[in-house]
């Protein structure tokens, strides 16, 4: 479900049963299935795998958020980062 106050960039795809609320999603992003995004800024060419939760976070160009990751409010994922490398900033289920 794409909620109010949400913008999706060109060539961005969203998987089944995903919810995006009050967020800006850049161009060329891939968002997997069963993803929850709320109050986030997702830059261009970001890959978000299945079963991810992002709330009030920023994900920069080219980053990958791996399956099952949870980004807590206030997290900023820098350019071309992959979540399995970040231990203090994300919780991986």
PDB file of N, CA and C in Angstrom:
ATOM      1  N   UNK A   1       0.832  -1.164   0.000  1.00  0.00           N
ATOM      2  CA  UNK A   1       0.000   0.000   0.000  1.00  0.00           C
ATOM      3  C   UNK A   1       0.889   1.245   0.000  1.00  0.00           C
ATOM      4  N   UNK A   2       0.606   2.160  -0.877  1.00  0.00           N
ATOM      5  CA  UNK A   2       1.311   3.433  -0.943  1.00  0.00           C
ATOM      6  C   UNK A   2       0.403   4.475  -0.299  1.00  0.00           C
ATOM      7  N   UNK A   3       0.851   5.047   0.814  1.00  0.00           N
ATOM      8  CA  UNK A   3       0.016   5.965   1.577  1.00  0.00           C
ATOM      9  C   UNK A   3       0.139   7.406   1.130  1.00  0.00           C
ATOM     10  N   UNK A   4      -0.578   8.260   1.827  1.00  0.00           N
ATOM     11  CA  UNK A   4      -0.540   9.685   1.560  1.00  0.00           C
ATOM     12  C   UNK A   4       0.854  10.237   1.835  1.00  0.00           C
ATOM     13  N   UNK A   5       1.140  11.375   1.198  1.00  0.00           N
ATOM     14  CA  UNK A   5       2.422  12.066   1.397  1.00  0.00           C
ATOM     15  C   UNK A   5       3.619  11.179   1.071  1.00  0.00           C
ATOM     16  N   UNK A   6       3.462  10.343   0.052  1.00  0.00           N
ATOM     17  CA  UNK A   6       4.534   9.462  -0.393  1.00  0.00           C
ATOM     18  C   UNK A   6       4.818   9.722  -1.863  1.00  0.00           C
ATOM     19  N   UNK A   7       6.104   9.769  -2.207  1.00  0.00           N
ATOM     20  CA  UNK A   7       6.525   9.984  -3.587  1.00  0.00           C
ATOM     21  C   UNK A   7       7.416   8.817  -3.993  1.00  0.00           C
ATOM     22  N   UNK A   8       7.108   8.205  -5.149  1.00  0.00           N
ATOM     23  CA  UNK A   8       7.940   7.132  -5.696  1.00  0.00           C
ATOM     24  C   UNK A   8       8.617   7.631  -6.959  1.00  0.00           C
ATOM     25  N   UNK A   9       9.931   7.442  -7.049  1.00  0.00           N
ATOM     26  CA  UNK A   9      10.683   7.857  -8.224  1.00  0.00           C
ATOM     27  C   UNK A   9      10.449   6.936  -9.412  1.00  0.00           C
ATOM     28  N   UNK A  10      10.848   7.421 -10.562  1.00  0.00           N
ATOM     29  CA  UNK A  10      10.738   6.688 -11.817  1.00  0.00           C
ATOM     30  C   UNK A  10      11.504   5.370 -11.741  1.00  0.00           C
ATOM     31  N   UNK A  11      10.927   4.324 -12.332  1.00  0.00           N
ATOM     32  CA  UNK A  11      11.524   2.988 -12.411  1.00  0.00           C
ATOM     33  C   UNK A  11      11.739   2.328 -11.053  1.00  0.00           C
ATOM     34  N   UNK A  12      10.997   2.742 -10.041  1.00  0.00           N
ATOM     35  CA  UNK A  12      11.040   2.083  -8.735  1.00  0.00           C
ATOM     36  C   UNK A  12       9.953   1.027  -8.694  1.00  0.00           C
ATOM     37  N   UNK A  13      10.291  -0.165  -8.173  1.00  0.00           N
ATOM     38  CA  UNK A  13       9.318  -1.247  -8.063  1.00  0.00           C
ATOM     39  C   UNK A  13       9.083  -1.570  -6.589  1.00  0.00           C
ATOM     40  N   UNK A  14       7.840  -1.957  -6.286  1.00  0.00           N
ATOM     41  CA  UNK A  14       7.454  -2.289  -4.916  1.00  0.00           C
ATOM     42  C   UNK A  14       6.831  -3.676  -4.919  1.00  0.00           C
ATOM     43  N   UNK A  15       7.334  -4.549  -4.041  1.00  0.00           N
ATOM     44  CA  UNK A  15       6.840  -5.920  -3.960  1.00  0.00           C
ATOM     45  C   UNK A  15       5.489  -6.028  -3.278  1.00  0.00           C
ATOM     46  N   UNK A  16       4.918  -7.211  -3.369  1.00  0.00           N
ATOM     47  CA  UNK A  16       3.611  -7.500  -2.780  1.00  0.00           C
ATOM     48  C   UNK A  16       3.612  -7.296  -1.275  1.00  0.00           C
ATOM     49  N   UNK A  17       2.474  -6.845  -0.760  1.00  0.00           N
ATOM     50  CA  UNK A  17       2.221  -6.722   0.668  1.00  0.00           C
ATOM     51  C   UNK A  17       3.190  -5.771   1.369  1.00  0.00           C
ATOM     52  N   UNK A  18       3.708  -4.779   0.655  1.00  0.00           N
ATOM     53  CA  UNK A  18       4.579  -3.770   1.256  1.00  0.00           C
ATOM     54  C   UNK A  18       3.782  -2.503   1.524  1.00  0.00           C
ATOM     55  N   UNK A  19       4.193  -1.777   2.563  1.00  0.00           N
ATOM     56  CA  UNK A  19       3.509  -0.555   2.967  1.00  0.00           C
ATOM     57  C   UNK A  19       4.519   0.587   3.018  1.00  0.00           C
ATOM     58  N   UNK A  20       4.212   1.674   2.316  1.00  0.00           N
ATOM     59  CA  UNK A  20       5.082   2.850   2.310  1.00  0.00           C
ATOM     60  C   UNK A  20       4.229   4.048   2.701  1.00  0.00           C
ATOM     61  N   UNK A  21       4.604   4.714   3.786  1.00  0.00           N
ATOM     62  CA  UNK A  21       3.842   5.827   4.322  1.00  0.00           C
ATOM     63  C   UNK A  21       4.745   7.040   4.529  1.00  0.00           C
ATOM     64  N   UNK A  22       4.301   8.210   4.141  1.00  0.00           N
ATOM     65  CA  UNK A  22       4.973   9.475   4.409  1.00  0.00           C
ATOM     66  C   UNK A  22       6.473   9.414   4.111  1.00  0.00           C
ATOM     67  N   UNK A  23       6.811   8.944   2.921  1.00  0.00           N
ATOM     68  CA  UNK A  23       8.209   8.747   2.547  1.00  0.00           C
ATOM     69  C   UNK A  23       8.478   9.242   1.134  1.00  0.00           C
ATOM     70  N   UNK A  24       9.755   9.465   0.842  1.00  0.00           N
ATOM     71  CA  UNK A  24      10.210   9.813  -0.497  1.00  0.00           C
ATOM     72  C   UNK A  24      11.166   8.711  -0.939  1.00  0.00           C
ATOM     73  N   UNK A  25      10.837   8.073  -2.054  1.00  0.00           N
ATOM     74  CA  UNK A  25      11.646   6.982  -2.596  1.00  0.00           C
ATOM     75  C   UNK A  25      12.202   7.449  -3.936  1.00  0.00           C
ATOM     76  N   UNK A  26      13.508   7.326  -4.111  1.00  0.00           N
ATOM     77  CA  UNK A  26      14.176   7.805  -5.316  1.00  0.00           C
ATOM     78  C   UNK A  26      13.931   6.946  -6.545  1.00  0.00           C
ATOM     79  N   UNK A  27      14.699   7.255  -7.591  1.00  0.00           N
ATOM     80  CA  UNK A  27      14.600   6.547  -8.875  1.00  0.00           C
ATOM     81  C   UNK A  27      15.316   5.209  -8.823  1.00  0.00           C
ATOM     82  N   UNK A  28      14.773   4.268  -9.572  1.00  0.00           N
ATOM     83  CA  UNK A  28      15.455   2.992  -9.790  1.00  0.00           C
ATOM     84  C   UNK A  28      15.628   2.137  -8.548  1.00  0.00           C
ATOM     85  N   UNK A  29      14.757   2.289  -7.569  1.00  0.00           N
ATOM     86  CA  UNK A  29      14.851   1.482  -6.348  1.00  0.00           C
ATOM     87  C   UNK A  29      14.056   0.189  -6.508  1.00  0.00           C
ATOM     88  N   UNK A  30      14.475  -0.831  -5.787  1.00  0.00           N
ATOM     89  CA  UNK A  30      13.761  -2.095  -5.739  1.00  0.00           C
ATOM     90  C   UNK A  30      13.388  -2.354  -4.289  1.00  0.00           C
ATOM     91  N   UNK A  31      12.095  -2.460  -4.039  1.00  0.00           N
ATOM     92  CA  UNK A  31      11.595  -2.704  -2.696  1.00  0.00           C
ATOM     93  C   UNK A  31      10.927  -4.067  -2.702  1.00  0.00           C
ATOM     94  N   UNK A  32      11.367  -4.945  -1.822  1.00  0.00           N
ATOM     95  CA  UNK A  32      10.887  -6.323  -1.801  1.00  0.00           C
ATOM     96  C   UNK A  32       9.491  -6.491  -1.237  1.00  0.00           C
ATOM     97  N   UNK A  33       9.166  -7.733  -0.946  1.00  0.00           N
ATOM     98  CA  UNK A  33       7.856  -8.109  -0.400  1.00  0.00           C
ATOM     99  C   UNK A  33       7.834  -7.910   1.112  1.00  0.00           C
ATOM    100  N   UNK A  34       6.643  -7.617   1.638  1.00  0.00           N
ATOM    101  CA  UNK A  34       6.428  -7.503   3.085  1.00  0.00           C
ATOM    102  C   UNK A  34       7.351  -6.479   3.746  1.00  0.00           C
ATOM    103  N   UNK A  35       7.589  -5.379   3.076  1.00  0.00           N
ATOM    104  CA  UNK A  35       8.444  -4.305   3.585  1.00  0.00           C
ATOM    105  C   UNK A  35       7.569  -3.210   4.183  1.00  0.00           C
ATOM    106  N   UNK A  36       8.019  -2.639   5.300  1.00  0.00           N
ATOM    107  CA  UNK A  36       7.341  -1.503   5.916  1.00  0.00           C
ATOM    108  C   UNK A  36       8.305  -0.323   5.910  1.00  0.00           C
ATOM    109  N   UNK A  37       7.884   0.773   5.274  1.00  0.00           N
ATOM    110  CA  UNK A  37       8.689   1.999   5.221  1.00  0.00           C
ATOM    111  C   UNK A  37       7.798   3.136   5.709  1.00  0.00           C
ATOM    112  N   UNK A  38       8.265   3.853   6.717  1.00  0.00           N
ATOM    113  CA  UNK A  38       7.477   4.945   7.275  1.00  0.00           C
ATOM    114  C   UNK A  38       8.389   6.133   7.579  1.00  0.00           C
ATOM    115  N   UNK A  39       8.065   7.286   7.010  1.00  0.00           N
ATOM    116  CA  UNK A  39       8.781   8.518   7.301  1.00  0.00           C
ATOM    117  C   UNK A  39      10.237   8.522   6.864  1.00  0.00           C
ATOM    118  N   UNK A  40      10.554   7.855   5.764  1.00  0.00           N
ATOM    119  CA  UNK A  40      11.944   7.706   5.320  1.00  0.00           C
ATOM    120  C   UNK A  40      12.240   8.494   4.047  1.00  0.00           C
ATOM    121  N   UNK A  41      13.515   8.750   3.855  1.00  0.00           N
ATOM    122  CA  UNK A  41      14.029   9.281   2.593  1.00  0.00           C
ATOM    123  C   UNK A  41      14.968   8.219   2.035  1.00  0.00           C
ATOM    124  N   UNK A  42      14.577   7.635   0.912  1.00  0.00           N
ATOM    125  CA  UNK A  42      15.354   6.594   0.246  1.00  0.00           C
ATOM    126  C   UNK A  42      15.863   7.211  -1.055  1.00  0.00           C
ATOM    127  N   UNK A  43      17.173   7.287  -1.234  1.00  0.00           N
ATOM    128  CA  UNK A  43      17.747   7.919  -2.415  1.00  0.00           C
ATOM    129  C   UNK A  43      17.663   6.966  -3.603  1.00  0.00           C
ATOM    130  N   UNK A  44      18.386   7.260  -4.668  1.00  0.00           N
ATOM    131  CA  UNK A  44      18.309   6.486  -5.914  1.00  0.00           C
ATOM    132  C   UNK A  44      19.058   5.156  -5.833  1.00  0.00           C
ATOM    133  N   UNK A  45      18.582   4.199  -6.634  1.00  0.00           N
ATOM    134  CA  UNK A  45      19.247   2.904  -6.844  1.00  0.00           C
ATOM    135  C   UNK A  45      19.482   2.123  -5.555  1.00  0.00           C
ATOM    136  N   UNK A  46      18.524   2.168  -4.657  1.00  0.00           N
ATOM    137  CA  UNK A  46      18.597   1.431  -3.390  1.00  0.00           C
ATOM    138  C   UNK A  46      17.851   0.119  -3.562  1.00  0.00           C
ATOM    139  N   UNK A  47      18.397  -0.942  -2.967  1.00  0.00           N
ATOM    140  CA  UNK A  47      17.726  -2.248  -2.975  1.00  0.00           C
ATOM    141  C   UNK A  47      17.332  -2.591  -1.541  1.00  0.00           C
ATOM    142  N   UNK A  48      16.049  -2.798  -1.331  1.00  0.00           N
ATOM    143  CA  UNK A  48      15.533  -3.190  -0.024  1.00  0.00           C
ATOM    144  C   UNK A  48      14.927  -4.570  -0.197  1.00  0.00           C
ATOM    145  N   UNK A  49      15.512  -5.549   0.474  1.00  0.00           N
ATOM    146  CA  UNK A  49      15.062  -6.927   0.303  1.00  0.00           C
ATOM    147  C   UNK A  49      13.803  -7.201   1.130  1.00  0.00           C
ATOM    148  N   UNK A  50      13.294  -8.419   1.057  1.00  0.00           N
ATOM    149  CA  UNK A  50      12.040  -8.805   1.703  1.00  0.00           C
ATOM    150  C   UNK A  50      12.087  -8.688   3.226  1.00  0.00           C
ATOM    151  N   UNK A  51      10.904  -8.436   3.804  1.00  0.00           N
ATOM    152  CA  UNK A  51      10.691  -8.458   5.261  1.00  0.00           C
ATOM    153  C   UNK A  51      11.539  -7.440   6.023  1.00  0.00           C
ATOM    154  N   UNK A  52      11.772  -6.291   5.436  1.00  0.00           N
ATOM    155  CA  UNK A  52      12.558  -5.216   6.053  1.00  0.00           C
ATOM    156  C   UNK A  52      11.607  -4.194   6.672  1.00  0.00           C
ATOM    157  N   UNK A  53      12.045  -3.582   7.769  1.00  0.00           N
ATOM    158  CA  UNK A  53      11.301  -2.488   8.397  1.00  0.00           C
ATOM    159  C   UNK A  53      12.215  -1.275   8.495  1.00  0.00           C
ATOM    160  N   UNK A  54      11.766  -0.143   7.959  1.00  0.00           N
ATOM    161  CA  UNK A  54      12.519   1.111   8.033  1.00  0.00           C
ATOM    162  C   UNK A  54      11.583   2.183   8.559  1.00  0.00           C
ATOM    163  N   UNK A  55      11.994   2.858   9.598  1.00  0.00           N
ATOM    164  CA  UNK A  55      11.175   3.935  10.154  1.00  0.00           C
ATOM    165  C   UNK A  55      12.049   5.148  10.417  1.00  0.00           C
ATOM    166  N   UNK A  56      11.643   6.272   9.826  1.00  0.00           N
ATOM    167  CA  UNK A  56      12.287   7.573  10.052  1.00  0.00           C
ATOM    168  C   UNK A  56      13.803   7.481   9.893  1.00  0.00           C
ATOM    169  N   UNK A  57      14.211   6.928   8.757  1.00  0.00           N
ATOM    170  CA  UNK A  57      15.620   6.728   8.436  1.00  0.00           C
ATOM    171  C   UNK A  57      15.922   7.313   7.061  1.00  0.00           C
ATOM    172  N   UNK A  58      17.223   7.423   6.759  1.00  0.00           N
ATOM    173  CA  UNK A  58      17.694   7.870   5.452  1.00  0.00           C
ATOM    174  C   UNK A  58      18.580   6.769   4.885  1.00  0.00           C
ATOM    175  N   UNK A  59      18.325   6.390   3.631  1.00  0.00           N
ATOM    176  CA  UNK A  59      19.148   5.387   2.959  1.00  0.00           C
ATOM    177  C   UNK A  59      19.692   6.036   1.692  1.00  0.00           C
ATOM    178  N   UNK A  60      21.016   6.158   1.611  1.00  0.00           N
ATOM    179  CA  UNK A  60      21.675   6.874   0.508  1.00  0.00           C
ATOM    180  C   UNK A  60      21.844   6.000  -0.732  1.00  0.00           C
ATOM    181  N   UNK A  61      22.241   6.647  -1.834  1.00  0.00           N
ATOM    182  CA  UNK A  61      22.396   6.002  -3.140  1.00  0.00           C
ATOM    183  C   UNK A  61      23.145   4.678  -3.075  1.00  0.00           C
ATOM    184  N   UNK A  62      22.588   3.682  -3.755  1.00  0.00           N
ATOM    185  CA  UNK A  62      23.286   2.426  -3.974  1.00  0.00           C
ATOM    186  C   UNK A  62      23.367   1.496  -2.776  1.00  0.00           C
ATOM    187  N   UNK A  63      22.735   1.826  -1.663  1.00  0.00           N
ATOM    188  CA  UNK A  63      22.788   0.957  -0.482  1.00  0.00           C
ATOM    189  C   UNK A  63      21.871  -0.244  -0.680  1.00  0.00           C
ATOM    190  N   UNK A  64      22.185  -1.321   0.034  1.00  0.00           N
ATOM    191  CA  UNK A  64      21.347  -2.511   0.043  1.00  0.00           C
ATOM    192  C   UNK A  64      20.962  -2.807   1.480  1.00  0.00           C
ATOM    193  N   UNK A  65      19.658  -2.957   1.723  1.00  0.00           N
ATOM    194  CA  UNK A  65      19.166  -3.343   3.038  1.00  0.00           C
ATOM    195  C   UNK A  65      18.755  -4.808   2.917  1.00  0.00           C
ATOM    196  N   UNK A  66      19.484  -5.670   3.606  1.00  0.00           N
ATOM    197  CA  UNK A  66      19.311  -7.113   3.448  1.00  0.00           C
ATOM    198  C   UNK A  66      18.037  -7.624   4.103  1.00  0.00           C
ATOM    199  N   UNK A  67      17.614  -8.779   3.667  1.00  0.00           N
ATOM    200  CA  UNK A  67      16.385  -9.433   4.108  1.00  0.00           C
ATOM    201  C   UNK A  67      16.283  -9.467   5.638  1.00  0.00           C
ATOM    202  N   UNK A  68      15.121  -9.021   6.154  1.00  0.00           N
ATOM    203  CA  UNK A  68      14.836  -9.108   7.580  1.00  0.00           C
ATOM    204  C   UNK A  68      15.439  -8.008   8.435  1.00  0.00           C
ATOM    205  N   UNK A  69      16.150  -7.067   7.836  1.00  0.00           N
ATOM    206  CA  UNK A  69      16.790  -5.999   8.627  1.00  0.00           C
ATOM    207  C   UNK A  69      15.746  -5.027   9.165  1.00  0.00           C
ATOM    208  N   UNK A  70      16.064  -4.427  10.303  1.00  0.00           N
ATOM    209  CA  UNK A  70      15.229  -3.398  10.911  1.00  0.00           C
ATOM    210  C   UNK A  70      16.105  -2.176  11.130  1.00  0.00           C
ATOM    211  N   UNK A  71      15.740  -1.065  10.489  1.00  0.00           N
ATOM    212  CA  UNK A  71      16.456   0.191  10.709  1.00  0.00           C
ATOM    213  C   UNK A  71      15.658   1.023  11.689  1.00  0.00           C
ATOM    214  N   UNK A  72      16.275   1.337  12.801  1.00  0.00           N
ATOM    215  CA  UNK A  72      15.634   2.116  13.853  1.00  0.00           C
ATOM    216  C   UNK A  72      15.541   3.580  13.434  1.00  0.00           C
ATOM    217  N   UNK A  73      14.636   4.355  14.031  1.00  0.00           N
ATOM    218  CA  UNK A  73      14.543   5.778  13.710  1.00  0.00           C
ATOM    219  C   UNK A  73      15.872   6.500  13.894  1.00  0.00           C
ATOM    220  N   UNK A  74      16.179   7.370  12.923  1.00  0.00           N
ATOM    221  CA  UNK A  74      17.400   8.168  12.986  1.00  0.00           C
ATOM    222  C   UNK A  74      18.611   7.572  12.296  1.00  0.00           C
ATOM    223  N   UNK A  75      18.508   6.337  11.804  1.00  0.00           N
ATOM    224  CA  UNK A  75      19.638   5.706  11.127  1.00  0.00           C
ATOM    225  C   UNK A  75      19.850   6.356   9.761  1.00  0.00           C
ATOM    226  N   UNK A  76      21.123   6.582   9.421  1.00  0.00           N
ATOM    227  CA  UNK A  76      21.504   7.038   8.092  1.00  0.00           C
ATOM    228  C   UNK A  76      22.454   5.992   7.521  1.00  0.00           C
ATOM    229  N   UNK A  77      22.021   5.310   6.456  1.00  0.00           N
ATOM    230  CA  UNK A  77      22.887   4.352   5.768  1.00  0.00           C
ATOM    231  C   UNK A  77      23.589   5.096   4.651  1.00  0.00           C
ATOM    232  N   UNK A  78      24.903   5.109   4.687  1.00  0.00           N
ATOM    233  CA  UNK A  78      25.682   5.865   3.717  1.00  0.00           C
ATOM    234  C   UNK A  78      25.717   5.163   2.368  1.00  0.00           C
ATOM    235  N   UNK A  79      26.405   5.770   1.439  1.00  0.00           N
ATOM    236  CA  UNK A  79      26.493   5.300   0.064  1.00  0.00           C
ATOM    237  C   UNK A  79      27.077   3.904  -0.020  1.00  0.00           C
ATOM    238  N   UNK A  80      26.408   3.057  -0.804  1.00  0.00           N
ATOM    239  CA  UNK A  80      26.866   1.708  -1.155  1.00  0.00           C
ATOM    240  C   UNK A  80      27.169   0.819   0.064  1.00  0.00           C
ATOM    241  N   UNK A  81      26.441   1.017   1.145  1.00  0.00           N
ATOM    242  CA  UNK A  81      26.598   0.196   2.343  1.00  0.00           C
ATOM    243  C   UNK A  81      25.618  -0.966   2.272  1.00  0.00           C
ATOM    244  N   UNK A  82      26.025  -2.099   2.824  1.00  0.00           N
ATOM    245  CA  UNK A  82      25.168  -3.267   2.910  1.00  0.00           C
ATOM    246  C   UNK A  82      24.959  -3.564   4.390  1.00  0.00           C
ATOM    247  N   UNK A  83      23.732  -3.789   4.814  1.00  0.00           N
ATOM    248  CA  UNK A  83      23.407  -3.827   6.237  1.00  0.00           C
ATOM    249  C   UNK A  83      24.120  -4.905   7.036  1.00  0.00           C
ATOM    250  N   UNK A  84      24.513  -6.007   6.438  1.00  0.00           N
ATOM    251  CA  UNK A  84      25.132  -7.038   7.253  1.00  0.00           C
ATOM    252  C   UNK A  84      26.483  -6.595   7.799  1.00  0.00           C
ATOM    253  N   UNK A  85      27.043  -5.489   7.309  1.00  0.00           N
ATOM    254  CA  UNK A  85      28.304  -4.950   7.804  1.00  0.00           C
ATOM    255  C   UNK A  85      28.114  -4.007   8.993  1.00  0.00           C
ATOM    256  N   UNK A  86      26.876  -3.581   9.247  1.00  0.00           N
ATOM    257  CA  UNK A  86      26.611  -2.593  10.297  1.00  0.00           C
ATOM    258  C   UNK A  86      26.026  -3.285  11.513  1.00  0.00           C
ATOM    259  N   UNK A  87      26.757  -3.320  12.600  1.00  0.00           N
ATOM    260  CA  UNK A  87      26.280  -4.014  13.783  1.00  0.00           C
ATOM    261  C   UNK A  87      25.617  -3.072  14.774  1.00  0.00           C
ATOM    262  N   UNK A  88      26.072  -1.841  14.875  1.00  0.00           N
ATOM    263  CA  UNK A  88      25.539  -0.912  15.874  1.00  0.00           C
ATOM    264  C   UNK A  88      24.349  -0.116  15.382  1.00  0.00           C
ATOM    265  N   UNK A  89      24.033  -0.169  14.110  1.00  0.00           N
ATOM    266  CA  UNK A  89      23.018   0.697  13.563  1.00  0.00           C
ATOM    267  C   UNK A  89      21.767  -0.027  13.092  1.00  0.00           C
ATOM    268  N   UNK A  90      21.836  -1.317  12.907  1.00  0.00           N
ATOM    269  CA  UNK A  90      20.659  -2.067  12.464  1.00  0.00           C
ATOM    270  C   UNK A  90      20.546  -3.346  13.278  1.00  0.00           C
ATOM    271  N   UNK A  91      19.364  -3.858  13.341  1.00  0.00           N
ATOM    272  CA  UNK A  91      19.118  -5.138  13.956  1.00  0.00           C
ATOM    273  C   UNK A  91      18.754  -6.109  12.844  1.00  0.00           C
ATOM    274  N   UNK A  92      19.470  -7.203  12.740  1.00  0.00           N
ATOM    275  CA  UNK A  92      19.185  -8.197  11.708  1.00  0.00           C
ATOM    276  C   UNK A  92      18.537  -9.385  12.384  1.00  0.00           C
ATOM    277  N   UNK A  93      17.346  -9.743  11.902  1.00  0.00           N
ATOM    278  CA  UNK A  93      16.608 -10.863  12.493  1.00  0.00           C
ATOM    279  C   UNK A  93      17.162 -12.185  12.033  1.00  0.00           C
TER     280      UNK A  93
END
